[in-house]
Structure formats: structure tokens, C-alpha cells
Amino acid sequence: MADHLVGIAVRRFDFLDACNVLSAMAMKTKRLKLGSCVTDLQRKHPAVLAQTTMTLDHLSNGRAILGIGAGEAMNMDPYGIIF
């Protein structure tokens, strides 16, 4: 699941919060691994991201995958976050 603040395509889910969508998917699936492509730490505090990932991992019985990285300017520039 993409974790972006701005849409990267024309699909409706490109604008949704990745953690919320993954949590919903955890409730509807049993074996699917769940994770974001890359979550950047400039937009989410590390403690909040850790808690969110731990919650997803608990809800999914250990199927959560946390992908973190530097992110992209397209997700930060429109909100005044320096890339």
C-alpha cells in the first residue's frame, strides 16, 4: 500500500491513509502480508509510527511489514515540509 499525502495515480485509494486501509485488510484476510511501500519519517514521529505498526502487527497476527525511507519531495513540498 502506498503511503502518500498526495495521489500518485487516479485510483481512489491513492489518497487514503495506508495504516487504516492495512488494518481493514488485516481484519478481512488471514495470510496476506501487510505493509506500506515506504513510509517516510519526516511526516510521522518514530514513536507514533512504531505504535501504529505494532497495532497492525497485533491485529494481523504478525503479518505487518514496516517499510521506511527518505520519502519524496512530492509528499512534503505542498505542506511546507523541507525535503
PDB file of N, CA and C in Angstrom:
ATOM      1  N   MET A   1       0.847  -1.175   0.000  1.00  0.00           N
ATOM      2  CA  MET A   1       0.000   0.000   0.000  1.00  0.00           C
ATOM      3  C   MET A   1       0.890   1.235   0.000  1.00  0.00           C
ATOM      4  N   ALA A   2       0.612   2.138  -0.916  1.00  0.00           N
ATOM      5  CA  ALA A   2       1.369   3.392  -0.955  1.00  0.00           C
ATOM      6  C   ALA A   2       1.041   4.253   0.263  1.00  0.00           C
ATOM      7  N   ASP A   3       2.034   4.949   0.805  1.00  0.00           N
ATOM      8  CA  ASP A   3       1.824   5.848   1.933  1.00  0.00           C
ATOM      9  C   ASP A   3       2.191   7.259   1.475  1.00  0.00           C
ATOM     10  N   HIS A   4       1.226   7.923   0.827  1.00  0.00           N
ATOM     11  CA  HIS A   4       1.453   9.251   0.266  1.00  0.00           C
ATOM     12  C   HIS A   4       0.410  10.239   0.781  1.00  0.00           C
ATOM     13  N   LEU A   5       0.792  11.515   0.844  1.00  0.00           N
ATOM     14  CA  LEU A   5      -0.159  12.574   1.174  1.00  0.00           C
ATOM     15  C   LEU A   5      -0.883  13.079  -0.060  1.00  0.00           C
ATOM     16  N   VAL A   6      -0.286  12.856  -1.216  1.00  0.00           N
ATOM     17  CA  VAL A   6      -0.893  13.276  -2.473  1.00  0.00           C
ATOM     18  C   VAL A   6      -1.093  12.054  -3.350  1.00  0.00           C
ATOM     19  N   GLY A   7      -2.098  12.112  -4.214  1.00  0.00           N
ATOM     20  CA  GLY A   7      -2.376  10.989  -5.102  1.00  0.00           C
ATOM     21  C   GLY A   7      -1.279  10.796  -6.123  1.00  0.00           C
ATOM     22  N   ILE A   8      -0.903   9.542  -6.367  1.00  0.00           N
ATOM     23  CA  ILE A   8       0.131   9.257  -7.352  1.00  0.00           C
ATOM     24  C   ILE A   8      -0.476   8.699  -8.633  1.00  0.00           C
ATOM     25  N   ALA A   9      -1.761   8.505  -8.636  1.00  0.00           N
ATOM     26  CA  ALA A   9      -2.462   7.993  -9.814  1.00  0.00           C
ATOM     27  C   ALA A   9      -3.908   8.474  -9.722  1.00  0.00           C
ATOM     28  N   VAL A  10      -4.784   7.844 -10.413  1.00  0.00           N
ATOM     29  CA  VAL A  10      -6.181   8.269 -10.403  1.00  0.00           C
ATOM     30  C   VAL A  10      -7.062   7.327  -9.591  1.00  0.00           C
ATOM     31  N   ARG A  11      -6.465   6.332  -8.956  1.00  0.00           N
ATOM     32  CA  ARG A  11      -7.249   5.401  -8.149  1.00  0.00           C
ATOM     33  C   ARG A  11      -7.631   6.069  -6.833  1.00  0.00           C
ATOM     34  N   ARG A  12      -8.825   5.821  -6.382  1.00  0.00           N
ATOM     35  CA  ARG A  12      -9.330   6.448  -5.163  1.00  0.00           C
ATOM     36  C   ARG A  12      -8.452   6.151  -3.954  1.00  0.00           C
ATOM     37  N   PHE A  13      -7.925   4.918  -3.830  1.00  0.00           N
ATOM     38  CA  PHE A  13      -7.177   4.556  -2.632  1.00  0.00           C
ATOM     39  C   PHE A  13      -5.817   5.236  -2.533  1.00  0.00           C
ATOM     40  N   ASP A  14      -5.375   5.920  -3.587  1.00  0.00           N
ATOM     41  CA  ASP A  14      -4.096   6.622  -3.510  1.00  0.00           C
ATOM     42  C   ASP A  14      -4.119   7.751  -2.479  1.00  0.00           C
ATOM     43  N   PHE A  15      -5.292   8.205  -2.095  1.00  0.00           N
ATOM     44  CA  PHE A  15      -5.406   9.312  -1.153  1.00  0.00           C
ATOM     45  C   PHE A  15      -5.727   8.859   0.266  1.00  0.00           C
ATOM     46  N   LEU A  16      -5.966   7.577   0.471  1.00  0.00           N
ATOM     47  CA  LEU A  16      -6.359   7.073   1.787  1.00  0.00           C
ATOM     48  C   LEU A  16      -5.136   6.826   2.661  1.00  0.00           C
ATOM     49  N   ASP A  17      -5.340   6.855   3.983  1.00  0.00           N
ATOM     50  CA  ASP A  17      -4.268   6.587   4.930  1.00  0.00           C
ATOM     51  C   ASP A  17      -3.890   5.110   4.872  1.00  0.00           C
ATOM     52  N   ALA A  18      -2.622   4.830   4.632  1.00  0.00           N
ATOM     53  CA  ALA A  18      -2.157   3.454   4.452  1.00  0.00           C
ATOM     54  C   ALA A  18      -2.419   2.588   5.685  1.00  0.00           C
ATOM     55  N   CYS A  19      -2.157   3.107   6.865  1.00  0.00           N
ATOM     56  CA  CYS A  19      -2.319   2.296   8.079  1.00  0.00           C
ATOM     57  C   CYS A  19      -3.775   1.910   8.320  1.00  0.00           C
ATOM     58  N   ASN A  20      -4.684   2.816   8.036  1.00  0.00           N
ATOM     59  CA  ASN A  20      -6.101   2.490   8.206  1.00  0.00           C
ATOM     60  C   ASN A  20      -6.555   1.433   7.207  1.00  0.00           C
ATOM     61  N   VAL A  21      -6.127   1.570   5.955  1.00  0.00           N
ATOM     62  CA  VAL A  21      -6.500   0.588   4.938  1.00  0.00           C
ATOM     63  C   VAL A  21      -5.900  -0.773   5.269  1.00  0.00           C
ATOM     64  N   LEU A  22      -4.641  -0.797   5.685  1.00  0.00           N
ATOM     65  CA  LEU A  22      -4.000  -2.067   6.035  1.00  0.00           C
ATOM     66  C   LEU A  22      -4.666  -2.728   7.232  1.00  0.00           C
ATOM     67  N   SER A  23      -5.123  -1.945   8.188  1.00  0.00           N
ATOM     68  CA  SER A  23      -5.843  -2.506   9.335  1.00  0.00           C
ATOM     69  C   SER A  23      -7.154  -3.155   8.900  1.00  0.00           C
ATOM     70  N   ALA A  24      -7.859  -2.506   7.988  1.00  0.00           N
ATOM     71  CA  ALA A  24      -9.095  -3.087   7.464  1.00  0.00           C
ATOM     72  C   ALA A  24      -8.799  -4.381   6.708  1.00  0.00           C
ATOM     73  N   MET A  25      -7.711  -4.378   5.948  1.00  0.00           N
ATOM     74  CA  MET A  25      -7.327  -5.584   5.223  1.00  0.00           C
ATOM     75  C   MET A  25      -6.949  -6.708   6.185  1.00  0.00           C
ATOM     76  N   ALA A  26      -6.350  -6.354   7.311  1.00  0.00           N
ATOM     77  CA  ALA A  26      -5.969  -7.371   8.301  1.00  0.00           C
ATOM     78  C   ALA A  26      -7.189  -8.098   8.835  1.00  0.00           C
ATOM     79  N   MET A  27      -8.287  -7.382   8.955  1.00  0.00           N
ATOM     80  CA  MET A  27      -9.498  -7.995   9.504  1.00  0.00           C
ATOM     81  C   MET A  27     -10.189  -8.913   8.488  1.00  0.00           C
ATOM     82  N   LYS A  28      -9.910  -8.707   7.199  1.00  0.00           N
ATOM     83  CA  LYS A  28     -10.588  -9.458   6.136  1.00  0.00           C
ATOM     84  C   LYS A  28      -9.740 -10.577   5.533  1.00  0.00           C
ATOM     85  N   THR A  29      -8.459 -10.645   5.892  1.00  0.00           N
ATOM     86  CA  THR A  29      -7.564 -11.649   5.320  1.00  0.00           C
ATOM     87  C   THR A  29      -6.913 -12.469   6.418  1.00  0.00           C
ATOM     88  N   LYS A  30      -6.338 -13.589   6.046  1.00  0.00           N
ATOM     89  CA  LYS A  30      -5.685 -14.460   7.041  1.00  0.00           C
ATOM     90  C   LYS A  30      -4.195 -14.669   6.769  1.00  0.00           C
ATOM     91  N   ARG A  31      -3.777 -14.653   5.496  1.00  0.00           N
ATOM     92  CA  ARG A  31      -2.383 -14.970   5.175  1.00  0.00           C
ATOM     93  C   ARG A  31      -1.636 -13.840   4.471  1.00  0.00           C
ATOM     94  N   LEU A  32      -2.321 -12.840   3.989  1.00  0.00           N
ATOM     95  CA  LEU A  32      -1.712 -11.746   3.243  1.00  0.00           C
ATOM     96  C   LEU A  32      -0.760 -10.944   4.125  1.00  0.00           C
ATOM     97  N   LYS A  33       0.474 -10.716   3.658  1.00  0.00           N
ATOM     98  CA  LYS A  33       1.412  -9.831   4.353  1.00  0.00           C
ATOM     99  C   LYS A  33       0.963  -8.397   4.116  1.00  0.00           C
ATOM    100  N   LEU A  34       1.063  -7.560   5.127  1.00  0.00           N
ATOM    101  CA  LEU A  34       0.533  -6.195   5.063  1.00  0.00           C
ATOM    102  C   LEU A  34       1.634  -5.181   5.343  1.00  0.00           C
ATOM    103  N   GLY A  35       1.808  -4.219   4.439  1.00  0.00           N
ATOM    104  CA  GLY A  35       2.823  -3.204   4.674  1.00  0.00           C
ATOM    105  C   GLY A  35       2.717  -2.054   3.696  1.00  0.00           C
ATOM    106  N   SER A  36       3.414  -0.980   4.033  1.00  0.00           N
ATOM    107  CA  SER A  36       3.483   0.174   3.144  1.00  0.00           C
ATOM    108  C   SER A  36       4.709   0.010   2.255  1.00  0.00           C
ATOM    109  N   CYS A  37       4.635   0.611   1.078  1.00  0.00           N
ATOM    110  CA  CYS A  37       5.809   0.572   0.185  1.00  0.00           C
ATOM    111  C   CYS A  37       6.976   1.247   0.892  1.00  0.00           C
ATOM    112  N   VAL A  38       6.812   2.508   1.254  1.00  0.00           N
ATOM    113  CA  VAL A  38       7.797   3.243   2.046  1.00  0.00           C
ATOM    114  C   VAL A  38       7.057   4.310   2.834  1.00  0.00           C
ATOM    115  N   THR A  39       7.294   4.351   4.123  1.00  0.00           N
ATOM    116  CA  THR A  39       6.770   5.405   4.973  1.00  0.00           C
ATOM    117  C   THR A  39       7.946   6.296   5.347  1.00  0.00           C
ATOM    118  N   ASP A  40       7.818   7.598   5.141  1.00  0.00           N
ATOM    119  CA  ASP A  40       8.928   8.489   5.458  1.00  0.00           C
ATOM    120  C   ASP A  40       8.779   9.055   6.862  1.00  0.00           C
ATOM    121  N   LEU A  41       9.903   9.157   7.551  1.00  0.00           N
ATOM    122  CA  LEU A  41       9.901   9.599   8.951  1.00  0.00           C
ATOM    123  C   LEU A  41       9.783  11.108   9.118  1.00  0.00           C
ATOM    124  N   GLN A  42       9.809  11.872   8.029  1.00  0.00           N
ATOM    125  CA  GLN A  42       9.622  13.321   8.144  1.00  0.00           C
ATOM    126  C   GLN A  42       8.175  13.664   8.467  1.00  0.00           C
ATOM    127  N   ARG A  43       7.235  12.813   8.101  1.00  0.00           N
ATOM    128  CA  ARG A  43       5.815  13.091   8.313  1.00  0.00           C
ATOM    129  C   ARG A  43       5.241  12.388   9.523  1.00  0.00           C
ATOM    130  N   LYS A  44       5.900  11.376  10.034  1.00  0.00           N
ATOM    131  CA  LYS A  44       5.360  10.615  11.163  1.00  0.00           C
ATOM    132  C   LYS A  44       6.424  10.466  12.238  1.00  0.00           C
ATOM    133  N   HIS A  45       6.069  10.828  13.451  1.00  0.00           N
ATOM    134  CA  HIS A  45       7.008  10.706  14.557  1.00  0.00           C
ATOM    135  C   HIS A  45       7.347   9.229  14.747  1.00  0.00           C
ATOM    136  N   PRO A  46       8.613   8.900  14.984  1.00  0.00           N
ATOM    137  CA  PRO A  46       9.008   7.500  15.121  1.00  0.00           C
ATOM    138  C   PRO A  46       8.227   6.727  16.190  1.00  0.00           C
ATOM    139  N   ALA A  47       7.899   7.371  17.305  1.00  0.00           N
ATOM    140  CA  ALA A  47       7.143   6.674  18.358  1.00  0.00           C
ATOM    141  C   ALA A  47       5.717   6.351  17.896  1.00  0.00           C
ATOM    142  N   VAL A  48       5.099   7.279  17.178  1.00  0.00           N
ATOM    143  CA  VAL A  48       3.741   7.056  16.669  1.00  0.00           C
ATOM    144  C   VAL A  48       3.769   5.976  15.588  1.00  0.00           C
ATOM    145  N   LEU A  49       4.758   6.025  14.717  1.00  0.00           N
ATOM    146  CA  LEU A  49       4.889   5.017  13.672  1.00  0.00           C
ATOM    147  C   LEU A  49       5.120   3.633  14.286  1.00  0.00           C
ATOM    148  N   ALA A  50       5.931   3.548  15.319  1.00  0.00           N
ATOM    149  CA  ALA A  50       6.167   2.270  15.993  1.00  0.00           C
ATOM    150  C   ALA A  50       4.877   1.735  16.612  1.00  0.00           C
ATOM    151  N   GLN A  51       4.123   2.596  17.262  1.00  0.00           N
ATOM    152  CA  GLN A  51       2.860   2.168  17.868  1.00  0.00           C
ATOM    153  C   GLN A  51       1.858   1.730  16.801  1.00  0.00           C
ATOM    154  N   THR A  52       1.772   2.472  15.726  1.00  0.00           N
ATOM    155  CA  THR A  52       0.856   2.128  14.636  1.00  0.00           C
ATOM    156  C   THR A  52       1.220   0.775  14.036  1.00  0.00           C
ATOM    157  N   THR A  53       2.508   0.553  13.794  1.00  0.00           N
ATOM    158  CA  THR A  53       2.958  -0.707  13.210  1.00  0.00           C
ATOM    159  C   THR A  53       2.733  -1.868  14.174  1.00  0.00           C
ATOM    160  N   MET A  54       2.982  -1.649  15.453  1.00  0.00           N
ATOM    161  CA  MET A  54       2.756  -2.687  16.450  1.00  0.00           C
ATOM    162  C   MET A  54       1.275  -3.049  16.517  1.00  0.00           C
ATOM    163  N   THR A  55       0.406  -2.059  16.409  1.00  0.00           N
ATOM    164  CA  THR A  55      -1.035  -2.311  16.420  1.00  0.00           C
ATOM    165  C   THR A  55      -1.441  -3.132  15.202  1.00  0.00           C
ATOM    166  N   LEU A  56      -0.941  -2.751  14.022  1.00  0.00           N
ATOM    167  CA  LEU A  56      -1.229  -3.509  12.807  1.00  0.00           C
ATOM    168  C   LEU A  56      -0.700  -4.932  12.920  1.00  0.00           C
ATOM    169  N   ASP A  57       0.489  -5.090  13.470  1.00  0.00           N
ATOM    170  CA  ASP A  57       1.068  -6.418  13.621  1.00  0.00           C
ATOM    171  C   ASP A  57       0.225  -7.277  14.566  1.00  0.00           C
ATOM    172  N   HIS A  58      -0.279  -6.672  15.610  1.00  0.00           N
ATOM    173  CA  HIS A  58      -1.143  -7.389  16.558  1.00  0.00           C
ATOM    174  C   HIS A  58      -2.470  -7.781  15.901  1.00  0.00           C
ATOM    175  N   LEU A  59      -3.096  -6.829  15.208  1.00  0.00           N
ATOM    176  CA  LEU A  59      -4.383  -7.110  14.549  1.00  0.00           C
ATOM    177  C   LEU A  59      -4.260  -8.175  13.465  1.00  0.00           C
ATOM    178  N   SER A  60      -3.092  -8.259  12.839  1.00  0.00           N
ATOM    179  CA  SER A  60      -2.902  -9.186  11.722  1.00  0.00           C
ATOM    180  C   SER A  60      -2.207 -10.482  12.129  1.00  0.00           C
ATOM    181  N   ASN A  61      -2.002 -10.664  13.417  1.00  0.00           N
ATOM    182  CA  ASN A  61      -1.311 -11.867  13.906  1.00  0.00           C
ATOM    183  C   ASN A  61       0.082 -12.022  13.304  1.00  0.00           C
ATOM    184  N   GLY A  62       0.843 -10.924  13.317  1.00  0.00           N
ATOM    185  CA  GLY A  62       2.239 -10.967  12.899  1.00  0.00           C
ATOM    186  C   GLY A  62       2.496 -10.814  11.413  1.00  0.00           C
ATOM    187  N   ARG A  63       1.567 -10.249  10.666  1.00  0.00           N
ATOM    188  CA  ARG A  63       1.743 -10.126   9.212  1.00  0.00           C
ATOM    189  C   ARG A  63       2.154  -8.731   8.767  1.00  0.00           C
ATOM    190  N   ALA A  64       2.428  -7.818   9.678  1.00  0.00           N
ATOM    191  CA  ALA A  64       2.777  -6.440   9.316  1.00  0.00           C
ATOM    192  C   ALA A  64       4.236  -6.331   8.886  1.00  0.00           C
ATOM    193  N   ILE A  65       4.467  -5.514   7.874  1.00  0.00           N
ATOM    194  CA  ILE A  65       5.818  -5.220   7.393  1.00  0.00           C
ATOM    195  C   ILE A  65       5.966  -3.704   7.388  1.00  0.00           C
ATOM    196  N   LEU A  66       7.003  -3.197   8.034  1.00  0.00           N
ATOM    197  CA  LEU A  66       7.254  -1.755   8.062  1.00  0.00           C
ATOM    198  C   LEU A  66       8.352  -1.416   7.068  1.00  0.00           C
ATOM    199  N   GLY A  67       8.011  -0.625   6.071  1.00  0.00           N
ATOM    200  CA  GLY A  67       8.992  -0.117   5.122  1.00  0.00           C
ATOM    201  C   GLY A  67       9.203   1.362   5.384  1.00  0.00           C
ATOM    202  N   ILE A  68      10.424   1.758   5.736  1.00  0.00           N
ATOM    203  CA  ILE A  68      10.696   3.173   5.994  1.00  0.00           C
ATOM    204  C   ILE A  68      11.803   3.653   5.065  1.00  0.00           C
ATOM    205  N   GLY A  69      11.747   4.943   4.745  1.00  0.00           N
ATOM    206  CA  GLY A  69      12.746   5.515   3.858  1.00  0.00           C
ATOM    207  C   GLY A  69      12.735   7.026   3.919  1.00  0.00           C
ATOM    208  N   ALA A  70      13.462   7.622   2.977  1.00  0.00           N
ATOM    209  CA  ALA A  70      13.613   9.076   2.958  1.00  0.00           C
ATOM    210  C   ALA A  70      12.392   9.799   2.425  1.00  0.00           C
ATOM    211  N   GLY A  71      11.528   9.105   1.714  1.00  0.00           N
ATOM    212  CA  GLY A  71      10.342   9.745   1.159  1.00  0.00           C
ATOM    213  C   GLY A  71      10.638  10.498  -0.123  1.00  0.00           C
ATOM    214  N   GLU A  72       9.673  11.306  -0.541  1.00  0.00           N
ATOM    215  CA  GLU A  72       9.792  12.063  -1.779  1.00  0.00           C
ATOM    216  C   GLU A  72       9.326  13.491  -1.558  1.00  0.00           C
ATOM    217  N   ALA A  73       9.913  14.411  -2.277  1.00  0.00           N
ATOM    218  CA  ALA A  73       9.550  15.821  -2.156  1.00  0.00           C
ATOM    219  C   ALA A  73       8.085  16.055  -2.498  1.00  0.00           C
ATOM    220  N   MET A  74       7.527  15.270  -3.426  1.00  0.00           N
ATOM    221  CA  MET A  74       6.130  15.479  -3.832  1.00  0.00           C
ATOM    222  C   MET A  74       5.151  15.315  -2.672  1.00  0.00           C
ATOM    223  N   ASN A  75       5.550  14.579  -1.629  1.00  0.00           N
ATOM    224  CA  ASN A  75       4.695  14.383  -0.469  1.00  0.00           C
ATOM    225  C   ASN A  75       4.911  15.424   0.615  1.00  0.00           C
ATOM    226  N   MET A  76       5.973  16.200   0.504  1.00  0.00           N
ATOM    227  CA  MET A  76       6.301  17.148   1.560  1.00  0.00           C
ATOM    228  C   MET A  76       6.211  18.605   1.133  1.00  0.00           C
ATOM    229  N   ASP A  77       6.658  18.914  -0.069  1.00  0.00           N
ATOM    230  CA  ASP A  77       6.661  20.302  -0.545  1.00  0.00           C
ATOM    231  C   ASP A  77       5.302  20.993  -0.430  1.00  0.00           C
ATOM    232  N   PRO A  78       4.188  20.342  -0.824  1.00  0.00           N
ATOM    233  CA  PRO A  78       2.899  21.025  -0.749  1.00  0.00           C
ATOM    234  C   PRO A  78       2.472  21.398   0.673  1.00  0.00           C
ATOM    235  N   TYR A  79       3.100  20.805   1.672  1.00  0.00           N
ATOM    236  CA  TYR A  79       2.720  21.047   3.060  1.00  0.00           C
ATOM    237  C   TYR A  79       3.773  21.840   3.822  1.00  0.00           C
ATOM    238  N   GLY A  80       4.776  22.351   3.100  1.00  0.00           N
ATOM    239  CA  GLY A  80       5.792  23.170   3.732  1.00  0.00           C
ATOM    240  C   GLY A  80       6.824  22.383   4.524  1.00  0.00           C
ATOM    241  N   ILE A  81       6.915  21.069   4.295  1.00  0.00           N
ATOM    242  CA  ILE A  81       7.904  20.234   4.967  1.00  0.00           C
ATOM    243  C   ILE A  81       9.150  20.202   4.084  1.00  0.00           C
ATOM    244  N   ILE A  82      10.288  20.550   4.641  1.00  0.00           N
ATOM    245  CA  ILE A  82      11.530  20.611   3.867  1.00  0.00           C
ATOM    246  C   ILE A  82      12.021  19.194   3.599  1.00  0.00           C
ATOM    247  N   PHE A  83      12.275  18.908   2.320  1.00  0.00           N
ATOM    248  CA  PHE A  83      12.754  17.574   1.928  1.00  0.00           C
ATOM    249  C   PHE A  83      14.252  17.542   1.993  1.00  0.00           C
TER     250      PHE A  83
END
